[in-house]
mmCIF file of all heavy atoms, coordinates in Angstrom:
data_MODEL
# 
_entry.id   MODEL 
# 
loop_
_atom_site.group_PDB 
_atom_site.id 
_atom_site.type_symbol 
_atom_site.label_atom_id 
_atom_site.label_alt_id 
_atom_site.label_comp_id 
_atom_site.label_asym_id 
_atom_site.label_entity_id 
_atom_site.label_seq_id 
_atom_site.pdbx_PDB_ins_code 
_atom_site.Cartn_x 
_atom_site.Cartn_y 
_atom_site.Cartn_z 
_atom_site.occupancy 
_atom_site.B_iso_or_equiv 
_atom_site.pdbx_formal_charge 
_atom_site.auth_seq_id 
_atom_site.auth_comp_id 
_atom_site.auth_asym_id 
_atom_site.auth_atom_id 
_atom_site.pdbx_PDB_model_num 
ATOM 1   N N   . ALA A 1 1  ? 109.878 104.461 88.739  1.00 0.00 ? 1  ALA A N   1 
ATOM 2   C CA  . ALA A 1 1  ? 110.301 104.897 90.092  1.00 0.00 ? 1  ALA A CA  1 
ATOM 3   C C   . ALA A 1 1  ? 111.515 105.623 89.993  1.00 0.00 ? 1  ALA A C   1 
ATOM 4   O O   . ALA A 1 1  ? 111.608 106.828 90.567  1.00 0.00 ? 1  ALA A O   1 
ATOM 5   C CB  . ALA A 1 1  ? 110.441 103.727 91.052  1.00 0.00 ? 1  ALA A CB  1 
ATOM 6   N N   . GLY A 1 2  ? 112.448 105.142 89.304  1.00 0.00 ? 2  GLY A N   1 
ATOM 7   C CA  . GLY A 1 2  ? 113.777 105.975 89.080  1.00 0.00 ? 2  GLY A CA  1 
ATOM 8   C C   . GLY A 1 2  ? 113.475 107.279 88.435  1.00 0.00 ? 2  GLY A C   1 
ATOM 9   O O   . GLY A 1 2  ? 114.084 108.293 88.822  1.00 0.00 ? 2  GLY A O   1 
ATOM 10  N N   . GLY A 1 3  ? 112.693 107.240 87.340  1.00 0.00 ? 3  GLY A N   1 
ATOM 11  C CA  . GLY A 1 3  ? 112.328 108.494 86.635  1.00 0.00 ? 3  GLY A CA  1 
ATOM 12  C C   . GLY A 1 3  ? 111.728 109.525 87.509  1.00 0.00 ? 3  GLY A C   1 
ATOM 13  O O   . GLY A 1 3  ? 111.920 110.734 87.408  1.00 0.00 ? 3  GLY A O   1 
ATOM 14  N N   . LEU A 1 4  ? 110.727 109.031 88.341  1.00 0.00 ? 4  LEU A N   1 
ATOM 15  C CA  . LEU A 1 4  ? 109.982 110.027 89.204  1.00 0.00 ? 4  LEU A CA  1 
ATOM 16  C C   . LEU A 1 4  ? 110.855 110.630 90.186  1.00 0.00 ? 4  LEU A C   1 
ATOM 17  O O   . LEU A 1 4  ? 110.819 111.865 90.501  1.00 0.00 ? 4  LEU A O   1 
ATOM 18  C CB  . LEU A 1 4  ? 108.779 109.283 89.822  1.00 0.00 ? 4  LEU A CB  1 
ATOM 19  C CG  . LEU A 1 4  ? 107.755 108.974 88.872  1.00 0.00 ? 4  LEU A CG  1 
ATOM 20  C CD1 . LEU A 1 4  ? 106.673 107.989 89.658  1.00 0.00 ? 4  LEU A CD1 1 
ATOM 21  C CD2 . LEU A 1 4  ? 106.975 110.209 88.402  1.00 0.00 ? 4  LEU A CD2 1 
ATOM 22  N N   . ILE A 1 5  ? 111.855 109.851 90.753  1.00 0.00 ? 5  ILE A N   1 
ATOM 23  C CA  . ILE A 1 5  ? 112.825 110.416 91.679  1.00 0.00 ? 5  ILE A CA  1 
ATOM 24  C C   . ILE A 1 5  ? 113.682 111.571 91.062  1.00 0.00 ? 5  ILE A C   1 
ATOM 25  O O   . ILE A 1 5  ? 113.914 112.595 91.583  1.00 0.00 ? 5  ILE A O   1 
ATOM 26  C CB  . ILE A 1 5  ? 113.736 109.332 92.270  1.00 0.00 ? 5  ILE A CB  1 
ATOM 27  C CG1 . ILE A 1 5  ? 112.951 108.242 92.995  1.00 0.00 ? 5  ILE A CG1 1 
ATOM 28  C CG2 . ILE A 1 5  ? 114.942 109.892 93.092  1.00 0.00 ? 5  ILE A CG2 1 
ATOM 29  C CD1 . ILE A 1 5  ? 112.334 108.708 94.271  1.00 0.00 ? 5  ILE A CD1 1 
ATOM 30  N N   . CYS A 1 6  ? 114.125 111.108 89.849  1.00 0.00 ? 6  CYS A N   1 
ATOM 31  C CA  . CYS A 1 6  ? 114.963 112.176 89.090  1.00 0.00 ? 6  CYS A CA  1 
ATOM 32  C C   . CYS A 1 6  ? 114.176 113.437 88.696  1.00 0.00 ? 6  CYS A C   1 
ATOM 33  O O   . CYS A 1 6  ? 114.772 114.534 88.704  1.00 0.00 ? 6  CYS A O   1 
ATOM 34  C CB  . CYS A 1 6  ? 115.638 111.544 87.897  1.00 0.00 ? 6  CYS A CB  1 
ATOM 35  S SG  . CYS A 1 6  ? 116.793 110.296 88.368  1.00 0.00 ? 6  CYS A SG  1 
ATOM 36  N N   . THR A 1 7  ? 112.896 113.332 88.298  1.00 0.00 ? 7  THR A N   1 
ATOM 37  C CA  . THR A 1 7  ? 112.249 114.494 87.718  1.00 0.00 ? 7  THR A CA  1 
ATOM 38  C C   . THR A 1 7  ? 111.451 115.224 88.744  1.00 0.00 ? 7  THR A C   1 
ATOM 39  O O   . THR A 1 7  ? 111.431 116.499 88.725  1.00 0.00 ? 7  THR A O   1 
ATOM 40  C CB  . THR A 1 7  ? 111.193 114.031 86.666  1.00 0.00 ? 7  THR A CB  1 
ATOM 41  O OG1 . THR A 1 7  ? 110.387 113.000 87.167  1.00 0.00 ? 7  THR A OG1 1 
ATOM 42  C CG2 . THR A 1 7  ? 111.990 113.484 85.419  1.00 0.00 ? 7  THR A CG2 1 
ATOM 43  N N   . LEU A 1 8  ? 110.920 114.469 89.850  1.00 0.00 ? 8  LEU A N   1 
ATOM 44  C CA  . LEU A 1 8  ? 110.010 115.100 90.802  1.00 0.00 ? 8  LEU A CA  1 
ATOM 45  C C   . LEU A 1 8  ? 110.649 115.357 92.127  1.00 0.00 ? 8  LEU A C   1 
ATOM 46  O O   . LEU A 1 8  ? 110.145 115.939 93.007  1.00 0.00 ? 8  LEU A O   1 
ATOM 47  C CB  . LEU A 1 8  ? 108.706 114.411 90.954  1.00 0.00 ? 8  LEU A CB  1 
ATOM 48  C CG  . LEU A 1 8  ? 107.840 114.393 89.694  1.00 0.00 ? 8  LEU A CG  1 
ATOM 49  C CD1 . LEU A 1 8  ? 106.531 113.579 90.010  1.00 0.00 ? 8  LEU A CD1 1 
ATOM 50  C CD2 . LEU A 1 8  ? 107.502 115.721 89.212  1.00 0.00 ? 8  LEU A CD2 1 
ATOM 51  N N   . GLY A 1 9  ? 111.878 114.924 92.263  1.00 0.00 ? 9  GLY A N   1 
ATOM 52  C CA  . GLY A 1 9  ? 112.678 115.142 93.449  1.00 0.00 ? 9  GLY A CA  1 
ATOM 53  C C   . GLY A 1 9  ? 112.365 114.239 94.710  1.00 0.00 ? 9  GLY A C   1 
ATOM 54  O O   . GLY A 1 9  ? 112.665 114.682 95.805  1.00 0.00 ? 9  GLY A O   1 
ATOM 55  N N   . GLY A 1 10 ? 111.844 113.124 94.467  1.00 0.00 ? 10 GLY A N   1 
ATOM 56  C CA  . GLY A 1 10 ? 111.766 112.149 95.583  1.00 0.00 ? 10 GLY A CA  1 
ATOM 57  C C   . GLY A 1 10 ? 110.345 112.015 96.216  1.00 0.00 ? 10 GLY A C   1 
ATOM 58  O O   . GLY A 1 10 ? 110.277 111.969 97.431  1.00 0.00 ? 10 GLY A O   1 
ATOM 59  N N   . PRO A 1 11 ? 109.296 111.953 95.406  1.00 0.00 ? 11 PRO A N   1 
ATOM 60  C CA  . PRO A 1 11 ? 107.958 111.658 96.090  1.00 0.00 ? 11 PRO A CA  1 
ATOM 61  C C   . PRO A 1 11 ? 108.021 110.193 96.454  1.00 0.00 ? 11 PRO A C   1 
ATOM 62  O O   . PRO A 1 11 ? 108.796 109.334 95.904  1.00 0.00 ? 11 PRO A O   1 
ATOM 63  C CB  . PRO A 1 11 ? 107.012 111.813 94.952  1.00 0.00 ? 11 PRO A CB  1 
ATOM 64  C CG  . PRO A 1 11 ? 107.811 111.604 93.685  1.00 0.00 ? 11 PRO A CG  1 
ATOM 65  C CD  . PRO A 1 11 ? 109.131 112.076 93.912  1.00 0.00 ? 11 PRO A CD  1 
ATOM 66  N N   . GLN A 1 12 ? 107.220 109.835 97.556  1.00 0.00 ? 12 GLN A N   1 
ATOM 67  C CA  . GLN A 1 12 ? 107.198 108.452 97.915  1.00 0.00 ? 12 GLN A CA  1 
ATOM 68  C C   . GLN A 1 12 ? 106.340 107.691 97.021  1.00 0.00 ? 12 GLN A C   1 
ATOM 69  O O   . GLN A 1 12 ? 106.686 106.492 96.659  1.00 0.00 ? 12 GLN A O   1 
ATOM 70  C CB  . GLN A 1 12 ? 106.627 108.324 99.410  1.00 0.00 ? 12 GLN A CB  1 
ATOM 71  C CG  . GLN A 1 12 ? 107.476 108.785 100.493 1.00 0.00 ? 12 GLN A CG  1 
ATOM 72  C CD  . GLN A 1 12 ? 107.181 110.332 100.795 1.00 0.00 ? 12 GLN A CD  1 
ATOM 73  O OE1 . GLN A 1 12 ? 105.995 110.623 101.015 1.00 0.00 ? 12 GLN A OE1 1 
ATOM 74  N NE2 . GLN A 1 12 ? 108.245 111.081 100.906 1.00 0.00 ? 12 GLN A NE2 1 
ATOM 75  N N   . ALA A 1 13 ? 105.198 108.186 96.591  1.00 0.00 ? 13 ALA A N   1 
ATOM 76  C CA  . ALA A 1 13 ? 104.251 107.495 95.750  1.00 0.00 ? 13 ALA A CA  1 
ATOM 77  C C   . ALA A 1 13 ? 103.888 106.044 96.280  1.00 0.00 ? 13 ALA A C   1 
ATOM 78  O O   . ALA A 1 13 ? 103.578 105.223 95.572  1.00 0.00 ? 13 ALA A O   1 
ATOM 79  C CB  . ALA A 1 13 ? 104.740 107.405 94.311  1.00 0.00 ? 13 ALA A CB  1 
ATOM 80  N N   . ASN A 1 14 ? 103.920 105.971 97.631  1.00 0.00 ? 14 ASN A N   1 
ATOM 81  C CA  . ASN A 1 14 ? 103.782 104.638 98.235  1.00 0.00 ? 14 ASN A CA  1 
ATOM 82  C C   . ASN A 1 14 ? 103.482 104.811 99.716  1.00 0.00 ? 14 ASN A C   1 
ATOM 83  O O   . ASN A 1 14 ? 104.269 105.344 100.459 1.00 0.00 ? 14 ASN A O   1 
ATOM 84  C CB  . ASN A 1 14 ? 105.084 103.802 98.081  1.00 0.00 ? 14 ASN A CB  1 
ATOM 85  C CG  . ASN A 1 14 ? 104.973 102.442 98.656  1.00 0.00 ? 14 ASN A CG  1 
ATOM 86  O OD1 . ASN A 1 14 ? 104.211 102.129 99.472  1.00 0.00 ? 14 ASN A OD1 1 
ATOM 87  N ND2 . ASN A 1 14 ? 105.850 101.564 98.183  1.00 0.00 ? 14 ASN A ND2 1 
ATOM 88  N N   . PRO A 1 15 ? 102.224 104.495 100.143 1.00 0.00 ? 15 PRO A N   1 
ATOM 89  C CA  . PRO A 1 15 ? 101.738 104.624 101.561 1.00 0.00 ? 15 PRO A CA  1 
ATOM 90  C C   . PRO A 1 15 ? 102.719 103.905 102.555 1.00 0.00 ? 15 PRO A C   1 
ATOM 91  O O   . PRO A 1 15 ? 102.901 104.304 103.621 1.00 0.00 ? 15 PRO A O   1 
ATOM 92  C CB  . PRO A 1 15 ? 100.412 104.096 101.560 1.00 0.00 ? 15 PRO A CB  1 
ATOM 93  C CG  . PRO A 1 15 ? 99.882  104.300 100.209 1.00 0.00 ? 15 PRO A CG  1 
ATOM 94  C CD  . PRO A 1 15 ? 101.031 104.073 99.296  1.00 0.00 ? 15 PRO A CD  1 
ATOM 95  N N   . ALA A 1 16 ? 103.307 102.844 102.100 1.00 0.00 ? 16 ALA A N   1 
ATOM 96  C CA  . ALA A 1 16 ? 104.183 102.034 103.032 1.00 0.00 ? 16 ALA A CA  1 
ATOM 97  C C   . ALA A 1 16 ? 105.408 102.849 103.349 1.00 0.00 ? 16 ALA A C   1 
ATOM 98  O O   . ALA A 1 16 ? 105.887 102.950 104.453 1.00 0.00 ? 16 ALA A O   1 
ATOM 99  C CB  . ALA A 1 16 ? 104.620 100.720 102.344 1.00 0.00 ? 16 ALA A CB  1 
ATOM 100 N N   . LEU A 1 17 ? 106.055 103.536 102.310 1.00 0.00 ? 17 LEU A N   1 
ATOM 101 C CA  . LEU A 1 17 ? 107.124 104.420 102.545 1.00 0.00 ? 17 LEU A CA  1 
ATOM 102 C C   . LEU A 1 17 ? 106.784 105.694 103.272 1.00 0.00 ? 17 LEU A C   1 
ATOM 103 O O   . LEU A 1 17 ? 107.492 106.031 104.203 1.00 0.00 ? 17 LEU A O   1 
ATOM 104 C CB  . LEU A 1 17 ? 107.754 104.829 101.198 1.00 0.00 ? 17 LEU A CB  1 
ATOM 105 C CG  . LEU A 1 17 ? 108.375 103.763 100.384 1.00 0.00 ? 17 LEU A CG  1 
ATOM 106 C CD1 . LEU A 1 17 ? 109.022 104.285 99.142  1.00 0.00 ? 17 LEU A CD1 1 
ATOM 107 C CD2 . LEU A 1 17 ? 109.444 102.964 101.143 1.00 0.00 ? 17 LEU A CD2 1 
ATOM 108 N N   . THR A 1 18 ? 105.597 106.260 103.009 1.00 0.00 ? 18 THR A N   1 
ATOM 109 C CA  . THR A 1 18 ? 105.149 107.313 103.834 1.00 0.00 ? 18 THR A CA  1 
ATOM 110 C C   . THR A 1 18 ? 104.921 107.020 105.306 1.00 0.00 ? 18 THR A C   1 
ATOM 111 O O   . THR A 1 18 ? 105.334 107.801 106.181 1.00 0.00 ? 18 THR A O   1 
ATOM 112 C CB  . THR A 1 18 ? 103.742 107.901 103.223 1.00 0.00 ? 18 THR A CB  1 
ATOM 113 O OG1 . THR A 1 18 ? 104.086 108.276 101.826 1.00 0.00 ? 18 THR A OG1 1 
ATOM 114 C CG2 . THR A 1 18 ? 103.362 109.144 104.042 1.00 0.00 ? 18 THR A CG2 1 
ATOM 115 N N   . LEU A 1 19 ? 104.382 105.826 105.586 1.00 0.00 ? 19 LEU A N   1 
ATOM 116 C CA  . LEU A 1 19 ? 104.206 105.426 106.952 1.00 0.00 ? 19 LEU A CA  1 
ATOM 117 C C   . LEU A 1 19 ? 105.519 105.164 107.560 1.00 0.00 ? 19 LEU A C   1 
ATOM 118 O O   . LEU A 1 19 ? 105.706 105.515 108.713 1.00 0.00 ? 19 LEU A O   1 
ATOM 119 C CB  . LEU A 1 19 ? 103.435 104.107 106.904 1.00 0.00 ? 19 LEU A CB  1 
ATOM 120 C CG  . LEU A 1 19 ? 103.072 103.464 108.252 1.00 0.00 ? 19 LEU A CG  1 
ATOM 121 C CD1 . LEU A 1 19 ? 102.207 104.454 109.148 1.00 0.00 ? 19 LEU A CD1 1 
ATOM 122 C CD2 . LEU A 1 19 ? 102.362 102.195 108.163 1.00 0.00 ? 19 LEU A CD2 1 
ATOM 123 N N   . ALA A 1 20 ? 106.520 104.664 106.880 1.00 0.00 ? 20 ALA A N   1 
ATOM 124 C CA  . ALA A 1 20 ? 107.847 104.514 107.449 1.00 0.00 ? 20 ALA A CA  1 
ATOM 125 C C   . ALA A 1 20 ? 108.496 105.795 107.840 1.00 0.00 ? 20 ALA A C   1 
ATOM 126 O O   . ALA A 1 20 ? 109.087 105.921 108.828 1.00 0.00 ? 20 ALA A O   1 
ATOM 127 C CB  . ALA A 1 20 ? 108.742 103.697 106.413 1.00 0.00 ? 20 ALA A CB  1 
ATOM 128 N N   . LEU A 1 21 ? 108.284 106.796 106.879 1.00 0.00 ? 21 LEU A N   1 
ATOM 129 C CA  . LEU A 1 21 ? 108.890 108.135 107.165 1.00 0.00 ? 21 LEU A CA  1 
ATOM 130 C C   . LEU A 1 21 ? 108.058 108.834 108.365 1.00 0.00 ? 21 LEU A C   1 
ATOM 131 O O   . LEU A 1 21 ? 108.670 109.514 109.186 1.00 0.00 ? 21 LEU A O   1 
ATOM 132 C CB  . LEU A 1 21 ? 108.744 109.036 105.971 1.00 0.00 ? 21 LEU A CB  1 
ATOM 133 C CG  . LEU A 1 21 ? 109.677 108.712 104.819 1.00 0.00 ? 21 LEU A CG  1 
ATOM 134 C CD1 . LEU A 1 21 ? 109.247 109.457 103.584 1.00 0.00 ? 21 LEU A CD1 1 
ATOM 135 C CD2 . LEU A 1 21 ? 111.119 108.930 105.194 1.00 0.00 ? 21 LEU A CD2 1 
ATOM 136 N N   . LEU A 1 22 ? 106.793 108.519 108.482 1.00 0.00 ? 22 LEU A N   1 
ATOM 137 C CA  . LEU A 1 22 ? 105.977 109.053 109.619 1.00 0.00 ? 22 LEU A CA  1 
ATOM 138 C C   . LEU A 1 22 ? 106.500 108.434 110.943 1.00 0.00 ? 22 LEU A C   1 
ATOM 139 O O   . LEU A 1 22 ? 106.585 109.056 111.869 1.00 0.00 ? 22 LEU A O   1 
ATOM 140 C CB  . LEU A 1 22 ? 104.519 108.737 109.327 1.00 0.00 ? 22 LEU A CB  1 
ATOM 141 C CG  . LEU A 1 22 ? 103.532 109.369 110.220 1.00 0.00 ? 22 LEU A CG  1 
ATOM 142 C CD1 . LEU A 1 22 ? 103.522 110.889 110.209 1.00 0.00 ? 22 LEU A CD1 1 
ATOM 143 C CD2 . LEU A 1 22 ? 102.143 108.922 109.716 1.00 0.00 ? 22 LEU A CD2 1 
ATOM 144 N N   . CYS A 1 23 ? 106.637 107.094 110.920 1.00 0.00 ? 23 CYS A N   1 
ATOM 145 C CA  . CYS A 1 23 ? 107.135 106.403 112.174 1.00 0.00 ? 23 CYS A CA  1 
ATOM 146 C C   . CYS A 1 23 ? 108.488 106.825 112.668 1.00 0.00 ? 23 CYS A C   1 
ATOM 147 O O   . CYS A 1 23 ? 108.831 106.766 113.782 1.00 0.00 ? 23 CYS A O   1 
ATOM 148 C CB  . CYS A 1 23 ? 107.086 104.866 111.930 1.00 0.00 ? 23 CYS A CB  1 
ATOM 149 S SG  . CYS A 1 23 ? 105.443 104.252 111.791 1.00 0.00 ? 23 CYS A SG  1 
ATOM 150 N N   . THR A 1 24 ? 109.278 107.233 111.720 1.00 0.00 ? 24 THR A N   1 
ATOM 151 C CA  . THR A 1 24 ? 110.671 107.691 112.093 1.00 0.00 ? 24 THR A CA  1 
ATOM 152 C C   . THR A 1 24 ? 110.793 109.227 112.251 1.00 0.00 ? 24 THR A C   1 
ATOM 153 O O   . THR A 1 24 ? 111.849 109.770 112.270 1.00 0.00 ? 24 THR A O   1 
ATOM 154 C CB  . THR A 1 24 ? 111.702 107.231 111.065 1.00 0.00 ? 24 THR A CB  1 
ATOM 155 O OG1 . THR A 1 24 ? 111.338 107.704 109.745 1.00 0.00 ? 24 THR A OG1 1 
ATOM 156 C CG2 . THR A 1 24 ? 111.823 105.733 111.016 1.00 0.00 ? 24 THR A CG2 1 
ATOM 157 N N   . ARG A 1 25 ? 109.584 109.839 112.232 1.00 0.00 ? 25 ARG A N   1 
ATOM 158 C CA  . ARG A 1 25 ? 109.497 111.299 112.435 1.00 0.00 ? 25 ARG A CA  1 
ATOM 159 C C   . ARG A 1 25 ? 110.159 112.142 111.430 1.00 0.00 ? 25 ARG A C   1 
ATOM 160 O O   . ARG A 1 25 ? 110.613 113.285 111.707 1.00 0.00 ? 25 ARG A O   1 
ATOM 161 C CB  . ARG A 1 25 ? 109.878 111.684 113.850 1.00 0.00 ? 25 ARG A CB  1 
ATOM 162 C CG  . ARG A 1 25 ? 109.045 110.991 114.964 1.00 0.00 ? 25 ARG A CG  1 
ATOM 163 C CD  . ARG A 1 25 ? 109.486 111.464 116.287 1.00 0.00 ? 25 ARG A CD  1 
ATOM 164 N NE  . ARG A 1 25 ? 108.622 110.812 117.231 1.00 0.00 ? 25 ARG A NE  1 
ATOM 165 C CZ  . ARG A 1 25 ? 108.794 110.969 118.515 1.00 0.00 ? 25 ARG A CZ  1 
ATOM 166 N NH1 . ARG A 1 25 ? 109.672 111.665 119.016 1.00 0.00 ? 25 ARG A NH1 1 
ATOM 167 N NH2 . ARG A 1 25 ? 107.936 110.229 119.306 1.00 0.00 ? 25 ARG A NH2 1 
ATOM 168 N N   . LYS A 1 26 ? 110.146 111.662 110.175 1.00 0.00 ? 26 LYS A N   1 
ATOM 169 C CA  . LYS A 1 26 ? 110.739 112.382 109.147 1.00 0.00 ? 26 LYS A CA  1 
ATOM 170 C C   . LYS A 1 26 ? 109.686 113.192 108.373 1.00 0.00 ? 26 LYS A C   1 
ATOM 171 O O   . LYS A 1 26 ? 109.935 114.026 107.532 1.00 0.00 ? 26 LYS A O   1 
ATOM 172 C CB  . LYS A 1 26 ? 111.515 111.485 108.231 1.00 0.00 ? 26 LYS A CB  1 
ATOM 173 C CG  . LYS A 1 26 ? 112.650 110.773 108.792 1.00 0.00 ? 26 LYS A CG  1 
ATOM 174 C CD  . LYS A 1 26 ? 113.776 110.496 107.891 1.00 0.00 ? 26 LYS A CD  1 
ATOM 175 C CE  . LYS A 1 26 ? 114.837 109.725 108.497 1.00 0.00 ? 26 LYS A CE  1 
ATOM 176 N NZ  . LYS A 1 26 ? 115.689 110.371 109.548 1.00 0.00 ? 26 LYS A NZ  1 
ATOM 177 N N   . LEU A 1 27 ? 108.421 112.909 108.714 1.00 0.00 ? 27 LEU A N   1 
ATOM 178 C CA  . LEU A 1 27 ? 107.188 113.617 108.216 1.00 0.00 ? 27 LEU A CA  1 
ATOM 179 C C   . LEU A 1 27 ? 106.359 113.941 109.396 1.00 0.00 ? 27 LEU A C   1 
ATOM 180 O O   . LEU A 1 27 ? 106.224 113.194 110.364 1.00 0.00 ? 27 LEU A O   1 
ATOM 181 C CB  . LEU A 1 27 ? 106.464 112.714 107.204 1.00 0.00 ? 27 LEU A CB  1 
ATOM 182 C CG  . LEU A 1 27 ? 106.904 112.514 105.774 1.00 0.00 ? 27 LEU A CG  1 
ATOM 183 C CD1 . LEU A 1 27 ? 105.915 111.618 105.064 1.00 0.00 ? 27 LEU A CD1 1 
ATOM 184 C CD2 . LEU A 1 27 ? 106.988 113.866 105.088 1.00 0.00 ? 27 LEU A CD2 1 
ATOM 185 N N   . SER A 1 28 ? 105.608 115.066 109.280 1.00 0.00 ? 28 SER A N   1 
ATOM 186 C CA  . SER A 1 28 ? 104.611 115.428 110.246 1.00 0.00 ? 28 SER A CA  1 
ATOM 187 C C   . SER A 1 28 ? 103.443 114.547 110.048 1.00 0.00 ? 28 SER A C   1 
ATOM 188 O O   . SER A 1 28 ? 103.123 114.010 108.927 1.00 0.00 ? 28 SER A O   1 
ATOM 189 C CB  . SER A 1 28 ? 104.180 116.854 110.125 1.00 0.00 ? 28 SER A CB  1 
ATOM 190 O OG  . SER A 1 28 ? 103.455 117.133 108.916 1.00 0.00 ? 28 SER A OG  1 
# 
């Protein structure tokens, strides 16, 4: 997870995090 953040720039790679971002209107 740490390596992916550093290399790919912050993918969620996790539907729970994507849903949290969606609920807080940080994603369309």
